Amino acid sequence: MPRSSLYYKPQGVSDFQLHLMRLIDEQYTLTPFYGIRRMTACLHRQGHCVNHKRVQRLMRFMGLEAIYPKPRLSKKDEHHKVFPYLLRGLTIERPNQVWSSDITYIRLRHGFVYLVAVMDWFSRYVLSWSISVTMDVHFCLEALHGALCRGKPEIFNTDQGSQFTSREFTGMLQQSEVRISMDGRGRALDNVFVERLWRTVKYEDIYLKEYATVPQLVEGLKAYFTFYNHERVHQSLGYRPPCEVQFATGLTPKGPENFGLND
């Protein structure tokens, strides 16, 4: 082992890197079909001299991938099973028929975290959510467990991210006798309702309030998801909030579930 390894101290993300990540996040939320080259060009137009390799590295670090049809060139993890997409041609006509989940990058004033949420496709109701400083599976399991404590869907849809294809995540669904559906690789629009949720959360809360710390973010998201579920009307729902559709059968709605920060 080199002597220098004993004295090495990991370096945090620089302010310049954080600034670039903020700009990339805003541009990606506005134009999720922009790839690395276009994203680099956007940064150049804003006066930042960066090459496409740095942009590629940052987008991978943030978990961002452009939405466009592309060949399946990446190898699957041989230890993770990928399930077929079950929603093609399916009519979504009732709550708890299909739930879905996804992860997004959330910026802070001097850092960032990741947010995962579980949503009902029919009502757009956010059943649970959790945040973490890493992209591991544990905060996804917490959100899934919180959602399953409220009920059970017939089908649960995700992308093919390693968190959702892990044995822990799929095993929890199988134990609950839930059918598992996964998007086709490179087809983010297969999970379009959660993608729309991220755009809404960022434009209506994250970008406006510029949270400085994780506790502030947690409190802000609690308030926003309460508003989103119980007050924010959706045109596609006949100008009703999600809770009125989710609990139209007369069940008593509960508040939004969050599981804080997984570190």
Protein backbone atom coordinates (compact mmCIF):
# COMPACT_ATOMS: atom_id res chain seq x y z
CA MET A 1 0.00 0.00 0.00
CA PRO A 2 1.41 3.42 -0.88
CA ARG A 3 2.40 5.57 2.08
CA SER A 4 0.23 8.41 0.75
CA SER A 5 -2.90 6.30 1.18
CA LEU A 6 -2.50 6.45 4.95
CA TYR A 7 -2.53 10.24 4.95
CA TYR A 8 -5.12 10.89 2.24
CA LYS A 9 -8.17 12.90 3.32
CA PRO A 10 -11.19 12.76 0.97
CA GLN A 11 -12.07 16.09 -0.59
CA GLY A 12 -15.66 17.29 -0.60
CA VAL A 13 -17.46 18.63 -3.64
CA SER A 14 -16.14 22.08 -4.52
CA ASP A 15 -18.37 25.16 -4.73
CA PHE A 16 -17.78 25.29 -8.49
CA GLN A 17 -18.87 21.67 -8.89
CA LEU A 18 -22.00 22.36 -6.85
CA HIS A 19 -22.75 25.39 -9.00
CA LEU A 20 -22.44 23.33 -12.18
CA MET A 21 -24.69 20.64 -10.69
CA ARG A 22 -27.33 23.27 -9.87
CA LEU A 23 -27.27 24.53 -13.46
CA ILE A 24 -27.42 20.99 -14.87
CA ASP A 25 -30.32 20.12 -12.56
CA GLU A 26 -32.32 23.19 -13.67
CA GLN A 27 -31.65 22.54 -17.36
CA TYR A 28 -32.43 18.83 -17.08
CA THR A 29 -35.73 19.54 -15.31
CA LEU A 30 -36.64 21.91 -18.15
CA THR A 31 -35.30 19.73 -21.01
CA PRO A 32 -34.83 16.09 -19.87
CA PHE A 33 -34.08 15.08 -23.48
CA TYR A 34 -30.77 16.99 -23.49
CA GLY A 35 -27.77 14.71 -23.61
CA ILE A 36 -24.19 15.40 -22.58
CA ARG A 37 -23.25 17.42 -25.67
CA ARG A 38 -26.27 19.72 -25.50
CA MET A 39 -25.90 20.12 -21.75
CA THR A 40 -22.25 21.10 -22.26
CA ALA A 41 -23.28 23.62 -24.91
CA CYS A 42 -25.82 25.15 -22.49
CA LEU A 43 -23.11 25.59 -19.87
CA HIS A 44 -20.83 27.19 -22.47
CA ARG A 45 -23.58 29.68 -23.36
CA GLN A 46 -23.76 30.62 -19.68
CA GLY A 47 -20.05 31.39 -19.64
CA HIS A 48 -18.67 28.21 -18.06
CA CYS A 49 -15.67 26.63 -19.75
CA VAL A 50 -16.22 22.92 -19.10
CA ASN A 51 -15.71 19.91 -21.34
CA HIS A 52 -18.20 17.15 -22.02
CA LYS A 53 -16.29 14.64 -19.88
CA ARG A 54 -16.87 16.68 -16.73
CA VAL A 55 -20.56 17.12 -17.63
CA GLN A 56 -20.86 13.38 -18.22
CA ARG A 57 -19.25 12.64 -14.85
CA LEU A 58 -21.53 15.08 -13.01
CA MET A 59 -24.69 13.80 -14.68
CA ARG A 60 -23.79 10.23 -13.75
CA PHE A 61 -23.06 11.34 -10.19
CA MET A 62 -26.49 13.03 -10.05
CA GLY A 63 -28.25 10.00 -11.52
CA LEU A 64 -29.40 11.90 -14.63
CA GLU A 65 -29.79 10.34 -18.07
CA ALA A 66 -31.23 11.94 -21.20
CA ILE A 67 -34.62 10.65 -22.34
CA TYR A 68 -34.38 9.32 -25.89
CA PRO A 69 -34.62 5.96 -27.68
CA LYS A 70 -31.27 4.18 -27.68
CA PRO A 71 -29.89 0.65 -28.12
CA ARG A 72 -29.38 -1.57 -25.10
CA LEU A 73 -25.60 -1.42 -24.82
CA SER A 74 -25.10 -1.71 -21.07
CA LYS A 75 -24.81 -5.03 -19.27
CA LYS A 76 -27.31 -6.00 -16.62
CA ASP A 77 -26.11 -6.93 -13.16
CA GLU A 78 -26.07 -10.73 -13.29
CA HIS A 79 -27.22 -10.83 -9.66
CA HIS A 80 -30.26 -8.63 -10.27
CA LYS A 81 -33.37 -9.86 -12.05
CA VAL A 82 -35.10 -7.44 -14.42
CA PHE A 83 -38.87 -7.84 -14.69
CA PRO A 84 -40.97 -7.13 -17.84
CA TYR A 85 -42.95 -3.94 -18.36
CA LEU A 86 -46.60 -4.73 -17.56
CA LEU A 87 -48.31 -1.39 -18.24
CA ARG A 88 -48.25 -1.26 -22.03
CA GLY A 89 -51.86 -0.94 -23.19
CA LEU A 90 -53.18 -1.21 -19.62
CA THR A 91 -56.07 1.10 -18.68
CA ILE A 92 -55.46 2.67 -15.26
CA GLU A 93 -58.96 3.07 -13.80
CA ARG A 94 -58.78 2.88 -9.98
CA PRO A 95 -56.55 3.69 -7.00
CA ASN A 96 -54.09 1.02 -5.85
CA GLN A 97 -54.06 -0.56 -9.29
CA VAL A 98 -50.56 0.72 -10.13
CA TRP A 99 -47.97 2.33 -7.89
CA SER A 100 -44.60 3.57 -9.09
CA SER A 101 -41.36 4.89 -7.63
CA ASP A 102 -38.33 6.87 -8.75
CA ILE A 103 -35.31 8.77 -7.41
CA THR A 104 -34.31 12.36 -8.13
CA TYR A 105 -31.46 14.71 -7.22
CA ILE A 106 -32.36 17.54 -4.81
CA ARG A 107 -29.99 20.47 -4.47
CA LEU A 108 -29.28 22.38 -1.28
CA ARG A 109 -27.54 25.73 -0.97
CA HIS A 110 -24.23 24.03 -0.11
CA GLY A 111 -24.78 20.39 -1.03
CA PHE A 112 -27.34 17.89 -2.26
CA VAL A 113 -29.35 14.80 -1.33
CA TYR A 114 -31.48 12.25 -3.18
CA LEU A 115 -35.27 11.97 -2.91
CA VAL A 116 -37.35 8.83 -3.56
CA ALA A 117 -41.16 8.78 -3.63
CA VAL A 118 -43.91 6.20 -4.10
CA MET A 119 -46.94 7.42 -6.08
CA ASP A 120 -50.32 6.02 -7.05
CA TRP A 121 -50.68 6.34 -10.83
CA PHE A 122 -54.44 6.82 -10.88
CA SER A 123 -54.78 9.48 -8.17
CA ARG A 124 -51.23 10.97 -8.34
CA TYR A 125 -51.23 10.62 -4.53
CA VAL A 126 -47.73 10.53 -2.97
CA LEU A 127 -47.92 7.60 -0.55
CA SER A 128 -44.46 7.94 1.01
CA TRP A 129 -41.05 9.50 0.46
CA SER A 130 -37.54 9.45 1.89
CA ILE A 131 -34.24 11.26 1.37
CA SER A 132 -30.62 10.11 1.56
CA VAL A 133 -27.11 11.43 0.99
CA THR A 134 -26.23 8.30 -1.02
CA MET A 135 -27.87 6.30 -3.81
CA ASP A 136 -28.04 3.07 -1.82
CA VAL A 137 -31.11 0.86 -1.52
CA HIS A 138 -31.95 1.51 2.14
CA PHE A 139 -33.91 4.75 1.75
CA CYS A 140 -35.86 3.16 -1.11
CA LEU A 141 -36.77 0.25 1.16
CA GLU A 142 -37.93 2.68 3.84
CA ALA A 143 -40.21 4.48 1.38
CA LEU A 144 -41.57 1.18 0.04
CA HIS A 145 -42.24 -0.15 3.54
CA GLY A 146 -44.06 3.06 4.46
CA ALA A 147 -46.25 2.82 1.36
CA LEU A 148 -47.07 -0.86 1.91
CA CYS A 149 -48.15 -0.06 5.48
CA ARG A 150 -50.95 1.99 3.89
CA GLY A 151 -52.18 -0.61 1.41
CA LYS A 152 -51.09 -2.79 -1.48
CA PRO A 153 -51.09 -2.20 -5.24
CA GLU A 154 -51.76 -4.80 -7.90
CA ILE A 155 -48.65 -3.69 -9.87
CA PHE A 156 -45.55 -1.76 -8.78
CA ASN A 157 -43.58 -0.07 -11.58
CA THR A 158 -40.00 1.29 -11.47
CA ASP A 159 -37.07 1.84 -13.78
CA GLN A 160 -34.15 -0.61 -13.97
CA GLY A 161 -31.99 1.22 -11.44
CA SER A 162 -29.90 -1.00 -9.18
CA GLN A 163 -31.89 0.08 -6.12
CA PHE A 164 -35.15 -1.20 -7.62
CA THR A 165 -33.73 -4.39 -9.15
CA SER A 166 -32.00 -5.37 -5.90
CA ARG A 167 -33.09 -8.55 -4.17
CA GLU A 168 -34.11 -6.58 -1.07
CA PHE A 169 -36.50 -4.32 -2.98
CA THR A 170 -38.04 -6.92 -5.28
CA GLY A 171 -38.18 -9.40 -2.41
CA MET A 172 -40.29 -7.02 -0.31
CA LEU A 173 -42.74 -6.66 -3.20
CA GLN A 174 -42.88 -10.39 -3.85
CA GLN A 175 -43.45 -11.09 -0.17
CA SER A 176 -46.44 -8.74 -0.34
CA GLU A 177 -47.68 -10.57 -3.47
CA VAL A 178 -47.36 -7.50 -5.69
CA ARG A 179 -46.67 -7.91 -9.42
CA ILE A 180 -43.43 -6.16 -10.44
CA SER A 181 -43.12 -4.07 -13.60
CA MET A 182 -39.98 -2.34 -14.88
CA ASP A 183 -39.54 0.25 -17.60
CA GLY A 184 -37.76 -0.60 -20.81
CA ARG A 185 -34.13 0.53 -20.60
CA GLY A 186 -33.74 4.13 -21.79
CA ARG A 187 -37.52 4.73 -21.65
CA ALA A 188 -38.05 7.18 -18.79
CA LEU A 189 -41.48 8.08 -20.17
CA ASP A 190 -42.69 4.61 -19.13
CA ASN A 191 -42.76 6.13 -15.63
CA VAL A 192 -44.06 9.50 -16.81
CA PHE A 193 -46.23 10.43 -13.81
CA VAL A 194 -43.33 10.33 -11.36
CA GLU A 195 -41.21 12.33 -13.83
CA ARG A 196 -43.94 14.99 -13.81
CA LEU A 197 -43.99 14.92 -10.01
CA TRP A 198 -40.27 15.76 -9.88
CA ARG A 199 -40.75 18.71 -12.21
CA THR A 200 -43.64 19.97 -10.07
CA VAL A 201 -41.76 19.59 -6.77
CA LYS A 202 -38.69 21.38 -8.07
CA TYR A 203 -40.44 24.31 -9.74
CA GLU A 204 -43.05 24.85 -7.03
CA ASP A 205 -40.84 24.28 -3.97
CA ILE A 206 -37.12 23.45 -4.29
CA TYR A 207 -36.10 26.21 -6.73
CA LEU A 208 -38.23 28.84 -4.98
CA LYS A 209 -37.05 28.23 -1.41
CA GLU A 210 -33.37 27.34 -1.88
CA TYR A 211 -33.09 25.16 1.25
CA ALA A 212 -29.78 25.52 3.06
CA THR A 213 -29.78 22.44 5.32
CA VAL A 214 -31.23 18.94 5.37
CA PRO A 215 -33.57 19.63 8.35
CA GLN A 216 -34.98 22.66 6.49
CA LEU A 217 -35.48 20.51 3.39
CA VAL A 218 -37.27 17.78 5.36
CA GLU A 219 -39.66 20.27 6.96
CA GLY A 220 -40.23 21.99 3.62
CA LEU A 221 -40.99 18.72 1.82
CA LYS A 222 -43.37 17.65 4.59
CA ALA A 223 -45.33 20.86 4.08
CA TYR A 224 -45.20 20.66 0.29
CA PHE A 225 -46.34 17.03 0.01
CA THR A 226 -49.21 17.78 2.41
CA PHE A 227 -50.21 20.63 0.11
CA TYR A 228 -49.69 18.48 -3.00
CA ASN A 229 -51.82 15.59 -1.70
CA HIS A 230 -54.62 17.53 0.00
CA GLU A 231 -54.90 20.96 -1.64
CA ARG A 232 -53.22 21.17 -5.05
CA VAL A 233 -55.87 20.51 -7.72
CA HIS A 234 -54.99 18.58 -10.90
CA GLN A 235 -56.64 19.26 -14.23
CA SER A 236 -56.44 15.55 -15.15
CA LEU A 237 -58.36 14.73 -11.93
CA GLY A 238 -61.22 17.08 -12.70
CA TYR A 239 -59.62 19.87 -10.66
CA ARG A 240 -59.60 17.77 -7.49
CA PRO A 241 -56.63 17.14 -5.17
CA PRO A 242 -55.16 13.61 -5.17
CA CYS A 243 -56.53 12.69 -1.73
CA GLU A 244 -60.13 13.07 -2.92
CA VAL A 245 -59.47 10.57 -5.70
CA GLN A 246 -57.29 8.18 -3.68
CA PHE A 247 -59.79 7.96 -0.83
CA ALA A 248 -63.03 8.31 -2.80
CA THR A 249 -64.17 4.98 -1.33
CA GLY A 250 -64.61 6.62 2.05
CA LEU A 251 -61.35 5.54 3.68
CA THR A 252 -59.80 8.11 5.98
CA PRO A 253 -56.78 9.76 4.35
CA LYS A 254 -53.52 9.93 6.26
CA GLY A 255 -50.81 12.54 6.12
CA PRO A 256 -47.74 12.19 3.87
CA GLU A 257 -45.22 9.65 5.10
CA ASN A 258 -41.59 10.61 5.22
CA PHE A 259 -38.61 8.79 6.67
CA GLY A 260 -36.16 11.67 7.02
CA LEU A 261 -32.55 11.28 6.05
CA ASN A 262 -30.86 7.95 5.49
CA ASP A 263 -27.14 8.47 6.06
